[in-house]
Structure formats: C-alpha cells, structure tokens
Amino acid sequence: MTRGKRLGVLCGILVVAVGACFGAKLVSERAEDADKTSVMNIAAEDITGLSWTYNDETVSITKTDGKWSYDSPETEGDDVNDIDANEMAQAIADLKATAVILPEEQAGDYGFDDPTCEIIVKTASADTTYTVGALNEITGQYNLQITGSENVFTIDTSFVNMFEKGYSDVKATPVPTESPSPSPEATAEADAAEATATPVPTATPEPQS
C-alpha cells in the first residue's frame, strides 16, 4: 500500500471515530433528558394562582386576564411584578424530577414534616400543593411531594430558589410620573406677560438737610 493510500485510510478512520464520539455524546445527552420526569403535566398559562411561604411570610397572588394581583386585603392596590410571577408559573410547568422514589420511610425522613417550602398551584380545575422537604447534602437536591401522589421526587435547587421571594420581592416598582412640560403657547404667553409687566417704581431718596 502506498503512502498516499495509507494516509487516506487513516483519515477515514479518524472521521469515523470523531463521528462516533459525537453521536455517542448526543445519545447520552438525549438519554439524560429522557431520564428526567415531569412532576406534573401542567401549562404555565393554565395556572391562575400561586401561594407560597418564605421566611414565615405567605404570599398569595392571582392571575386575572393575564394580570397578576395580590390576594391579601393588606396589599390591595399594590401591583405584582408580572415578569416575576410569570417566571414562577413557568418554573412550575417546566419542573422535572431528577429521580422518582417509591417511599419506604416516614414522611419525616424526607423532611416533609418540617418543609423547606410549600407552594400551592391553582388552576381552574384544582389546587395542588407542592411540599419541598429536606435538602440532600450529598446530591445537593431537594425532596418533593405533591398532593395526589405517593412518590417522592428529587429536584434541583434552582426550582426552590425561584420561590425564595417575599411580598416586597414580587411587588412591582412604581414608575415615577414626570410633570407635563408646558405647551409652546403657554410658554410664549408667560414670556409676553413678563415682558409687559409694569415695573415697580423705586422710592426717591429725600435730600439731606
């Protein structure tokens, strides 16, 4: 075999090897995504209300005609930051479990007796409670259980971090209003009035004797 042919064969082997590695990586990534299980089949736009507790403060908000508002009478008149609220609803819809466990231990062993966070997700058909238990110090993931399921899910910390918000964190910041600028006509009238104003006469000093 000539040197040119040997070089061609080696190049062909290299191309096949690179393609095989890329294909294996792609399959692995897809398999990893497939291993993650949706906690609940719900769309973000179907969520009509959210309620959660953070630092002993319960925040409850409701969506009406695409606009979020507070439920508590104490917060009446305050606006909710719609961007934050929609991101939280989307996090609920996108939530996937890294593992599903058939519980063989008591609820307290997963931290559900003293939950890290409780989230109530409201739709037109039902209210579902997401109970976030203890953090697994080894895996760095939280235990989760939802109403209607005996399974225990493990979830990433990013989901829990999304609900580490109190009332002031999701309150919309009021946009300052600017004073309206005077119209050109009003400005011209003011200038004309100032120009024609009668000057106040100054007192003439009396001659000294």
Protein backbone atom coordinates (compact mmCIF):
# COMPACT_ATOMS: atom_id res chain seq x y z
CA MET A 1 0.00 0.00 0.00
CA THR A 2 1.37 3.34 -0.98
CA ARG A 3 1.91 6.14 1.48
CA GLY A 4 -0.96 8.15 -0.03
CA LYS A 5 -3.41 5.29 0.34
CA ARG A 6 -2.34 4.67 3.94
CA LEU A 7 -2.87 8.37 4.70
CA GLY A 8 -6.32 8.23 3.14
CA VAL A 9 -7.28 5.18 5.20
CA LEU A 10 -6.08 6.85 8.41
CA CYS A 11 -8.07 9.99 7.62
CA GLY A 12 -11.16 7.88 7.02
CA ILE A 13 -10.73 6.10 10.34
CA LEU A 14 -10.30 9.43 12.11
CA VAL A 15 -13.50 10.82 10.57
CA VAL A 16 -15.46 7.72 11.61
CA ALA A 17 -14.06 7.90 15.15
CA VAL A 18 -14.96 11.58 15.55
CA GLY A 19 -18.46 10.94 14.23
CA ALA A 20 -18.92 8.03 16.60
CA CYS A 21 -17.84 10.12 19.59
CA PHE A 22 -20.19 12.95 18.64
CA GLY A 23 -23.06 10.53 18.14
CA ALA A 24 -22.44 8.86 21.48
CA LYS A 25 -22.39 12.25 23.23
CA LEU A 26 -25.66 13.26 21.56
CA VAL A 27 -27.34 9.99 22.52
CA SER A 28 -26.08 10.38 26.08
CA GLU A 29 -27.49 13.91 26.36
CA ARG A 30 -30.84 12.80 24.99
CA ALA A 31 -30.92 9.85 27.35
CA GLU A 32 -30.16 12.16 30.26
CA ASP A 33 -33.05 14.44 29.28
CA ALA A 34 -35.33 11.44 28.86
CA ASP A 35 -34.44 10.25 32.35
CA LYS A 36 -35.93 13.40 33.84
CA THR A 37 -39.61 13.00 34.62
CA SER A 38 -42.19 15.76 34.55
CA VAL A 39 -43.55 16.22 38.04
CA MET A 40 -46.95 17.33 36.77
CA ASN A 41 -48.48 17.85 33.37
CA ILE A 42 -49.46 21.49 33.56
CA ALA A 43 -49.08 24.50 31.29
CA ALA A 44 -47.94 27.86 32.61
CA GLU A 45 -50.88 29.66 31.02
CA ASP A 46 -53.31 27.36 32.90
CA ILE A 47 -52.01 28.49 36.30
CA THR A 48 -54.44 31.02 37.78
CA GLY A 49 -52.92 31.44 41.22
CA LEU A 50 -49.82 30.82 43.33
CA SER A 51 -49.33 30.81 47.06
CA TRP A 52 -46.10 30.10 48.91
CA THR A 53 -44.39 30.71 52.23
CA TYR A 54 -40.93 32.24 52.56
CA ASN A 55 -39.33 33.32 55.85
CA ASP A 56 -42.65 32.81 57.66
CA GLU A 57 -44.34 35.16 55.19
CA THR A 58 -47.12 33.81 52.99
CA VAL A 59 -47.56 35.41 49.59
CA SER A 60 -50.68 34.70 47.55
CA ILE A 61 -51.28 36.03 44.06
CA THR A 62 -53.97 35.51 41.42
CA LYS A 63 -53.93 35.98 37.66
CA THR A 64 -56.95 37.56 36.02
CA ASP A 65 -56.99 38.39 32.30
CA GLY A 66 -53.23 37.91 32.16
CA LYS A 67 -52.57 40.34 35.04
CA TRP A 68 -51.30 39.21 38.45
CA SER A 69 -52.55 40.77 41.68
CA TYR A 70 -52.26 40.14 45.42
CA ASP A 71 -55.00 38.29 47.29
CA SER A 72 -54.43 39.75 50.75
CA PRO A 73 -56.58 42.76 51.73
CA GLU A 74 -53.49 44.33 53.31
CA THR A 75 -51.84 44.54 49.89
CA GLU A 76 -54.87 45.82 48.00
CA GLY A 77 -53.84 48.38 45.44
CA ASP A 78 -50.29 47.09 45.13
CA ASP A 79 -49.26 45.64 41.78
CA VAL A 80 -47.39 42.38 41.28
CA ASN A 81 -44.34 42.24 39.05
CA ASP A 82 -45.85 40.25 36.17
CA ILE A 83 -42.44 39.20 34.87
CA ASP A 84 -41.51 37.54 38.17
CA ALA A 85 -44.93 35.91 38.54
CA ASN A 86 -44.88 34.52 35.00
CA GLU A 87 -41.37 33.14 35.54
CA MET A 88 -42.55 31.33 38.66
CA ALA A 89 -45.53 29.86 36.80
CA GLN A 90 -43.20 28.75 34.01
CA ALA A 91 -40.89 27.11 36.56
CA ILE A 92 -43.86 25.06 37.79
CA ALA A 93 -44.71 23.97 34.25
CA ASP A 94 -41.09 23.10 33.37
CA LEU A 95 -40.30 21.29 36.63
CA LYS A 96 -38.73 17.87 36.07
CA ALA A 97 -37.58 15.38 38.67
CA THR A 98 -34.05 14.02 38.55
CA ALA A 99 -35.32 10.84 40.24
CA VAL A 100 -38.57 9.28 41.42
CA ILE A 101 -38.57 7.34 44.68
CA LEU A 102 -41.21 4.96 45.98
CA PRO A 103 -41.18 5.99 49.65
CA GLU A 104 -40.33 3.28 52.14
CA GLU A 105 -39.67 5.67 55.02
CA GLN A 106 -41.81 8.02 57.07
CA ALA A 107 -42.59 11.48 55.75
CA GLY A 108 -40.29 13.00 58.36
CA ASP A 109 -37.33 11.15 56.90
CA TYR A 110 -37.72 13.21 53.73
CA GLY A 111 -38.24 16.47 55.58
CA PHE A 112 -41.94 16.82 54.78
CA ASP A 113 -42.90 17.22 58.46
CA ASP A 114 -40.87 20.44 58.57
CA PRO A 115 -40.88 21.52 54.92
CA THR A 116 -38.45 23.95 53.41
CA CYS A 117 -41.24 25.46 51.35
CA GLU A 118 -44.87 24.80 50.47
CA ILE A 119 -46.28 26.01 47.18
CA ILE A 120 -49.96 25.90 46.24
CA VAL A 121 -50.56 25.89 42.50
CA LYS A 122 -54.07 26.86 41.43
CA THR A 123 -55.78 26.09 38.15
CA ALA A 124 -59.39 26.28 37.06
CA SER A 125 -59.87 22.60 37.93
CA ALA A 126 -57.85 22.03 41.13
CA ASP A 127 -55.38 23.26 43.71
CA THR A 128 -52.16 21.25 44.04
CA THR A 129 -49.71 21.54 46.93
CA TYR A 130 -46.01 21.12 46.29
CA THR A 131 -44.25 20.23 49.55
CA VAL A 132 -40.49 20.72 49.41
CA GLY A 133 -38.75 18.67 52.07
CA ALA A 134 -35.16 18.42 53.17
CA LEU A 135 -32.05 19.12 51.13
CA ASN A 136 -29.93 16.05 50.43
CA GLU A 137 -26.46 17.22 51.40
CA ILE A 138 -24.83 14.53 49.25
CA THR A 139 -26.68 15.13 45.97
CA GLY A 140 -27.48 18.80 46.58
CA GLN A 141 -31.12 18.22 45.62
CA TYR A 142 -34.43 18.63 47.44
CA ASN A 143 -37.13 16.07 48.12
CA LEU A 144 -40.57 16.95 46.76
CA GLN A 145 -44.04 15.52 47.13
CA ILE A 146 -47.26 16.74 45.54
CA THR A 147 -50.84 16.10 46.54
CA GLY A 148 -52.33 13.06 44.86
CA SER A 149 -49.03 11.20 44.50
CA GLU A 150 -47.29 8.83 46.91
CA ASN A 151 -43.99 9.20 45.08
CA VAL A 152 -41.11 11.30 46.30
CA PHE A 153 -39.36 13.33 43.63
CA THR A 154 -35.86 14.78 43.80
CA ILE A 155 -35.50 18.20 42.19
CA ASP A 156 -32.76 20.75 41.55
CA THR A 157 -32.24 23.63 43.95
CA SER A 158 -32.90 26.16 41.18
CA PHE A 159 -36.64 25.49 41.48
CA VAL A 160 -36.66 26.17 45.21
CA ASN A 161 -34.56 29.31 44.73
CA MET A 162 -37.25 30.65 42.41
CA PHE A 163 -39.68 30.82 45.35
CA GLU A 164 -37.31 32.43 47.83
CA LYS A 165 -39.26 35.65 47.46
CA GLY A 166 -41.29 37.65 49.93
CA TYR A 167 -44.01 40.20 49.34
CA SER A 168 -41.58 43.04 48.65
CA ASP A 169 -39.61 40.89 46.18
CA VAL A 170 -42.53 40.42 43.77
CA LYS A 171 -44.07 43.84 44.25
CA ALA A 172 -43.99 45.92 41.10
CA THR A 173 -41.85 49.02 41.31
CA PRO A 174 -43.99 52.08 40.55
CA VAL A 175 -42.87 54.06 37.54
CA PRO A 176 -42.28 57.71 38.51
CA THR A 177 -44.53 60.12 36.68
CA GLU A 178 -43.00 63.15 35.03
CA SER A 179 -44.57 66.57 35.29
CA PRO A 180 -46.01 67.59 31.92
CA SER A 181 -43.99 70.18 30.05
CA PRO A 182 -45.82 73.46 29.33
CA SER A 183 -47.03 73.88 25.80
CA PRO A 184 -45.20 76.33 23.50
CA GLU A 185 -48.27 78.59 23.55
CA ALA A 186 -48.27 78.74 27.36
CA THR A 187 -44.54 79.45 27.40
CA ALA A 188 -44.94 82.28 24.86
CA GLU A 189 -47.80 83.82 26.86
CA ALA A 190 -45.75 83.69 30.07
CA ASP A 191 -42.80 85.37 28.36
CA ALA A 192 -45.03 88.10 26.92
CA ALA A 193 -46.63 88.76 30.29
CA GLU A 194 -43.22 89.06 31.92
CA ALA A 195 -42.01 91.49 29.24
CA THR A 196 -45.04 93.79 29.57
CA ALA A 197 -45.18 93.75 33.34
CA THR A 198 -45.25 97.30 34.82
CA PRO A 199 -42.03 97.92 36.75
CA VAL A 200 -42.42 98.87 40.38
CA PRO A 201 -41.13 102.50 40.89
CA THR A 202 -38.29 102.87 43.27
CA ALA A 203 -38.52 105.39 46.09
CA THR A 204 -36.60 108.68 45.55
CA PRO A 205 -34.29 109.40 48.47
CA GLU A 206 -35.07 112.62 50.34
CA PRO A 207 -32.34 115.33 50.28
CA GLN A 208 -30.36 115.61 53.44
CA SER A 209 -30.60 118.97 55.28
